[in-house]
Protein backbone atom coordinates (compact mmCIF):
# COMPACT_ATOMS: atom_id res chain seq x y z
CA MET A 1 -29.68 -4.50 -13.64
CA ALA A 2 -27.23 -1.62 -13.27
CA LEU A 3 -24.11 -3.76 -13.57
CA SER A 4 -25.37 -5.65 -16.63
CA GLY A 5 -26.31 -2.39 -18.33
CA VAL A 6 -22.89 -0.94 -17.52
CA ILE A 7 -21.00 -3.96 -18.88
CA CYS A 8 -23.11 -4.08 -22.05
CA SER A 9 -22.59 -0.35 -22.64
CA MET A 10 -18.86 -0.52 -21.94
CA LEU A 11 -18.47 -3.34 -24.46
CA MET A 12 -20.24 -1.31 -27.14
CA VAL A 13 -18.09 1.73 -26.39
CA ALA A 14 -15.12 -0.61 -26.95
CA LYS A 15 -16.58 -1.39 -30.43
CA VAL A 16 -17.75 -4.88 -29.54
CA PRO A 17 -20.63 -5.95 -31.86
CA LEU A 18 -24.09 -5.43 -30.34
CA PRO A 19 -25.04 -9.15 -30.08
CA LEU A 20 -21.79 -9.94 -28.24
CA ALA A 21 -22.21 -6.89 -25.99
CA ILE A 22 -25.71 -8.07 -25.06
CA LEU A 23 -24.36 -11.56 -24.37
CA GLY A 24 -21.72 -9.98 -22.13
CA GLY A 25 -24.39 -8.17 -20.12
CA LEU A 26 -26.46 -11.35 -19.85
CA ALA A 27 -23.37 -13.29 -18.74
CA VAL A 28 -22.98 -10.88 -15.82
CA GLY A 29 -26.57 -11.58 -14.75
CA ALA A 30 -26.06 -15.33 -15.13
CA PHE A 31 -22.89 -15.18 -13.04
CA CYS A 32 -24.61 -13.26 -10.24
CA GLY A 33 -27.54 -15.69 -10.33
CA THR A 34 -25.19 -18.67 -10.27
CA PHE A 35 -23.29 -17.26 -7.30
CA ASN A 36 -26.55 -16.70 -5.43
CA ALA A 37 -27.74 -20.20 -6.31
CA PHE A 38 -24.51 -21.86 -5.14
CA ILE A 39 -24.39 -20.05 -1.79
CA ILE A 40 -28.09 -20.58 -1.08
CA THR A 41 -28.38 -24.24 -2.11
CA ARG A 42 -24.93 -25.38 -0.97
CA PHE A 43 -24.87 -23.72 2.45
CA ASN A 44 -28.62 -23.30 3.01
CA ILE A 45 -28.30 -19.59 3.80
CA ASN A 46 -31.37 -17.36 3.87
CA PRO A 47 -32.08 -16.33 0.23
CA PHE A 48 -33.01 -12.77 1.18
CA ILE A 49 -29.65 -12.20 2.87
CA VAL A 50 -27.66 -13.64 -0.05
CA THR A 51 -29.52 -11.80 -2.80
CA PHE A 52 -29.50 -8.55 -0.83
CA ALA A 53 -25.74 -8.90 -0.39
CA MET A 54 -25.34 -9.52 -4.12
CA LEU A 55 -27.35 -6.37 -4.79
CA ALA A 56 -24.84 -4.38 -2.74
CA ILE A 57 -21.85 -6.09 -4.41
CA ALA A 58 -23.12 -5.59 -7.96
CA ARG A 59 -24.05 -1.97 -7.26
CA SER A 60 -20.61 -1.28 -5.82
CA VAL A 61 -18.85 -2.87 -8.81
CA ALA A 62 -20.98 -0.87 -11.26
CA GLN A 63 -20.10 2.37 -9.48
CA ALA A 64 -16.43 1.49 -9.03
CA ILE A 65 -15.64 0.61 -12.65
CA THR A 66 -17.40 3.74 -13.91
CA GLU A 67 -16.56 6.03 -10.98
CA SER A 68 -20.33 6.64 -10.90
CA ASN A 69 -20.20 8.34 -14.31
CA PRO A 70 -22.87 7.54 -16.91
CA ILE A 71 -21.75 5.75 -20.07
CA ARG A 72 -23.04 7.19 -23.32
CA VAL A 73 -23.58 4.75 -26.19
CA ASN A 74 -23.94 5.95 -29.76
CA ASN A 75 -25.46 2.90 -31.41
CA GLU A 76 -28.68 3.22 -33.40
CA ALA A 77 -29.54 -0.49 -33.21
CA PHE A 78 -29.10 -0.47 -29.44
CA SER A 79 -31.21 2.68 -29.00
CA PHE A 80 -33.88 1.19 -31.27
CA MET A 81 -34.34 -1.63 -28.76
CA GLY A 82 -35.37 0.92 -26.16
CA VAL A 83 -37.08 3.79 -27.96
CA GLY A 84 -37.76 2.48 -31.48
CA LEU A 85 -41.33 2.06 -32.72
CA VAL A 86 -42.97 -0.76 -34.65
CA GLY A 87 -46.44 0.14 -35.80
CA GLY A 88 -46.46 2.97 -33.29
CA ILE A 89 -45.66 0.62 -30.39
CA PRO A 90 -42.31 0.89 -28.54
CA VAL A 91 -39.97 -2.01 -29.30
CA GLY A 92 -39.01 -2.29 -25.63
CA PHE A 93 -42.66 -2.75 -24.68
CA ILE A 94 -43.10 -5.43 -27.37
CA LEU A 95 -40.04 -7.33 -26.12
CA VAL A 96 -41.29 -7.22 -22.53
CA ILE A 97 -44.76 -8.45 -23.49
CA ILE A 98 -43.34 -11.31 -25.58
CA LEU A 99 -41.11 -12.37 -22.70
CA ALA A 100 -43.98 -12.10 -20.22
CA LEU A 101 -46.23 -14.27 -22.43
CA ILE A 102 -43.51 -16.90 -22.78
CA ALA A 103 -42.85 -16.87 -19.02
CA ASP A 104 -46.55 -17.04 -18.18
CA PHE A 105 -47.03 -20.01 -20.50
CA ALA A 106 -43.99 -21.74 -18.99
CA MET A 107 -45.23 -21.24 -15.43
CA ARG A 108 -48.62 -22.69 -16.35
CA ARG A 109 -47.71 -25.52 -18.71
CA ILE A 110 -44.08 -26.63 -18.41
CA ARG A 111 -43.32 -29.21 -15.75
CA PHE A 112 -40.05 -27.69 -14.53
CA PHE A 113 -41.63 -24.30 -13.85
CA ARG A 114 -44.71 -25.86 -12.28
CA GLN A 115 -42.35 -27.48 -9.77
CA LEU A 116 -41.47 -24.01 -8.49
CA TYR A 117 -44.98 -23.76 -7.04
CA PHE A 118 -44.56 -27.05 -5.18
CA ILE A 119 -41.18 -25.99 -3.80
CA GLY A 120 -42.46 -22.54 -2.82
CA GLY A 121 -45.52 -23.99 -1.13
CA ASN A 122 -43.85 -26.90 0.68
CA GLU A 123 -40.22 -27.70 -0.08
CA ALA A 124 -40.10 -30.73 2.21
CA GLY A 125 -43.21 -32.14 0.57
CA ALA A 126 -41.75 -31.48 -2.90
CA GLN A 127 -38.67 -33.52 -1.96
CA LEU A 128 -40.85 -36.40 -0.77
CA ILE A 129 -42.62 -36.65 -4.13
CA GLY A 130 -39.30 -36.82 -5.98
CA ILE A 131 -38.57 -33.24 -7.03
CA ASN A 132 -34.89 -32.33 -7.05
CA THR A 133 -35.45 -29.11 -5.14
CA LYS A 134 -31.81 -27.99 -5.14
CA LYS A 135 -31.54 -28.34 -8.91
CA VAL A 136 -34.79 -26.51 -9.56
CA ARG A 137 -33.89 -23.67 -7.20
CA PHE A 138 -30.38 -23.44 -8.66
CA ILE A 139 -31.72 -23.00 -12.18
CA ALA A 140 -34.39 -20.57 -10.96
CA TYR A 141 -31.77 -18.24 -9.48
CA ILE A 142 -29.76 -18.31 -12.71
CA LEU A 143 -32.88 -17.43 -14.70
CA SER A 144 -33.62 -14.65 -12.22
CA GLY A 145 -30.15 -13.22 -12.80
CA LEU A 146 -30.57 -13.44 -16.57
CA LEU A 147 -33.94 -11.70 -16.48
CA ALA A 148 -32.62 -8.92 -14.26
CA ALA A 149 -29.71 -8.47 -16.68
CA TRP A 150 -32.09 -8.32 -19.65
CA GLY A 151 -34.13 -5.68 -17.84
CA GLY A 152 -30.98 -3.64 -17.23
CA ILE A 153 -29.92 -3.93 -20.87
CA LEU A 154 -33.34 -2.83 -22.15
CA SER A 155 -33.35 0.10 -19.74
CA SER A 156 -29.87 1.10 -20.91
CA ALA A 157 -31.08 0.90 -24.51
CA ARG A 158 -33.91 3.27 -23.64
CA LEU A 159 -31.42 5.73 -22.15
CA SER A 160 -28.83 5.16 -24.92
CA GLY A 161 -26.32 4.28 -22.26
CA ALA A 162 -25.87 3.09 -18.70
CA VAL A 163 -26.32 4.91 -15.41
CA PRO A 164 -24.54 3.10 -12.54
CA ASN A 165 -26.80 4.74 -9.95
CA ALA A 166 -30.01 3.77 -11.73
CA TYR A 167 -32.68 1.45 -10.31
CA ILE A 168 -31.93 2.26 -6.66
CA GLY A 169 -34.97 1.18 -4.66
CA ILE A 170 -36.61 -0.63 -7.58
CA GLU A 171 -36.55 -3.89 -5.61
CA LEU A 172 -39.27 -2.56 -3.32
CA LYS A 173 -41.47 -1.63 -6.29
CA LEU A 174 -41.05 -5.09 -7.79
CA ILE A 175 -41.90 -6.82 -4.52
CA VAL A 176 -45.02 -4.67 -4.18
CA ALA A 177 -46.01 -5.41 -7.79
CA ALA A 178 -45.60 -9.16 -7.27
CA VAL A 179 -47.57 -9.14 -4.01
CA VAL A 180 -50.34 -6.98 -5.47
CA GLY A 181 -50.42 -9.37 -8.43
CA GLY A 182 -51.19 -12.35 -6.19
CA ALA A 183 -47.79 -13.64 -5.08
CA THR A 184 -47.15 -14.27 -1.41
CA LEU A 185 -43.95 -13.83 0.56
CA LYS A 186 -44.39 -17.39 1.84
CA GLY A 187 -44.11 -18.75 -1.70
CA GLY A 188 -46.12 -21.17 -3.82
CA GLU A 189 -48.55 -18.64 -5.30
CA GLY A 190 -48.67 -15.97 -7.96
CA THR A 191 -48.56 -15.64 -11.75
CA ILE A 192 -46.55 -13.68 -14.31
CA ALA A 193 -49.75 -12.07 -15.60
CA GLY A 194 -50.67 -11.01 -12.07
CA SER A 195 -47.25 -9.45 -11.51
CA MET A 196 -47.54 -7.53 -14.78
CA LEU A 197 -50.91 -6.18 -13.64
CA GLY A 198 -49.26 -5.25 -10.35
CA LEU A 199 -46.71 -3.19 -12.29
CA VAL A 200 -49.52 -1.46 -14.19
CA PHE A 201 -51.20 -0.66 -10.88
CA LEU A 202 -47.99 0.89 -9.52
CA PHE A 203 -47.67 2.94 -12.71
CA PHE A 204 -51.14 4.38 -12.22
CA LEU A 205 -50.49 4.90 -8.50
CA SER A 206 -47.32 6.85 -9.28
CA ASN A 207 -49.15 8.99 -11.85
CA ALA A 208 -52.00 9.60 -9.43
CA MET A 209 -49.59 10.85 -6.76
CA THR A 210 -48.02 13.18 -9.32
CA LEU A 211 -51.40 14.55 -10.40
CA LEU A 212 -52.42 15.07 -6.77
CA GLY A 213 -49.22 17.01 -6.13
CA VAL A 214 -47.84 14.54 -3.58
CA ASN A 215 -44.21 15.29 -2.76
CA ILE A 216 -41.93 12.81 -4.56
CA TYR A 217 -40.15 12.04 -1.29
CA TRP A 218 -43.34 10.42 -0.01
CA GLU A 219 -43.47 7.93 -2.89
CA TYR A 220 -41.68 5.08 -1.13
CA PHE A 221 -43.61 5.75 2.06
CA PHE A 222 -46.78 4.81 0.19
CA TYR A 223 -45.11 1.79 -1.44
CA GLY A 224 -43.94 0.50 1.92
CA ALA A 225 -47.27 1.15 3.61
CA PHE A 226 -49.12 -0.48 0.74
CA LEU A 227 -46.88 -3.57 0.93
CA ILE A 228 -47.53 -3.93 4.66
CA GLY A 229 -51.25 -3.50 4.07
CA VAL A 230 -51.41 -6.17 1.35
CA VAL A 231 -49.32 -8.63 3.40
CA LEU A 232 -51.53 -8.11 6.45
CA TYR A 233 -54.63 -8.61 4.31
CA ASN A 234 -53.26 -11.85 2.84
CA THR A 235 -52.19 -13.07 6.29
CA PHE A 236 -55.62 -12.33 7.72
CA ASN A 237 -57.37 -14.13 4.86
CA SER A 238 -55.03 -17.13 5.14
CA GLY A 239 -55.66 -17.38 8.87
CA ARG A 240 -59.40 -17.14 8.39
CA LEU A 241 -59.28 -19.82 5.68
CA SER A 242 -57.26 -22.13 7.92
CA LYS A 243 -59.79 -21.75 10.75
CA ARG A 244 -62.63 -22.52 8.37
CA GLN A 245 -60.85 -25.63 7.07
CA ARG A 246 -60.25 -26.86 10.64
CA SER A 247 -63.88 -26.30 11.53
CA LEU A 248 -64.91 -28.41 8.56
């Protein structure tokens, strides 16, 4: 997110037209996703390790090319994407909802995206029924990179520029939101709509902590504890369901 926002902002500062600057930011996300996909599918390395390493690499590049200095962009069209209003509703919010609706429909109705559930639930079984698991996973990582880049670009539009040190720690929030929304760390479950509701829950949780006067430094303590709690709850329920199925 940070690197894509930085590249997009740097291109606009260099007087590159907005559409091309956005494409440049998206290209960065696609490249990172492609690199992750190649390493993971070609060498069968743990996805968490590879993507976590890419996070560190992309963050370092974003800080190095800017020397950790924010990039200010004076472009009305770009700022409108982040803070503009249409009928009193923020444009950024509209774009996110449209994308979420498209993604939710795709995950429910389109064959390729439905295959992700089979692979997440049982990759060996998915291979046996004829799914090209490497191809599906490869494309999924590219799409993940593109979506992260788009998120970084929209966030930069909201700030009218890029902040290389932005989004530090956001990965934990997103994991918590996905798990709260019904996804499991084992894979094969979850929906886009559920993840969006998970984000809404975290928003209210953050506001509640602010209203209660909780020190901001405790915020990630609660996120981490909440994640452990939800995972333990899901694990307990899964174990209980398995015992019930065996008894039947």
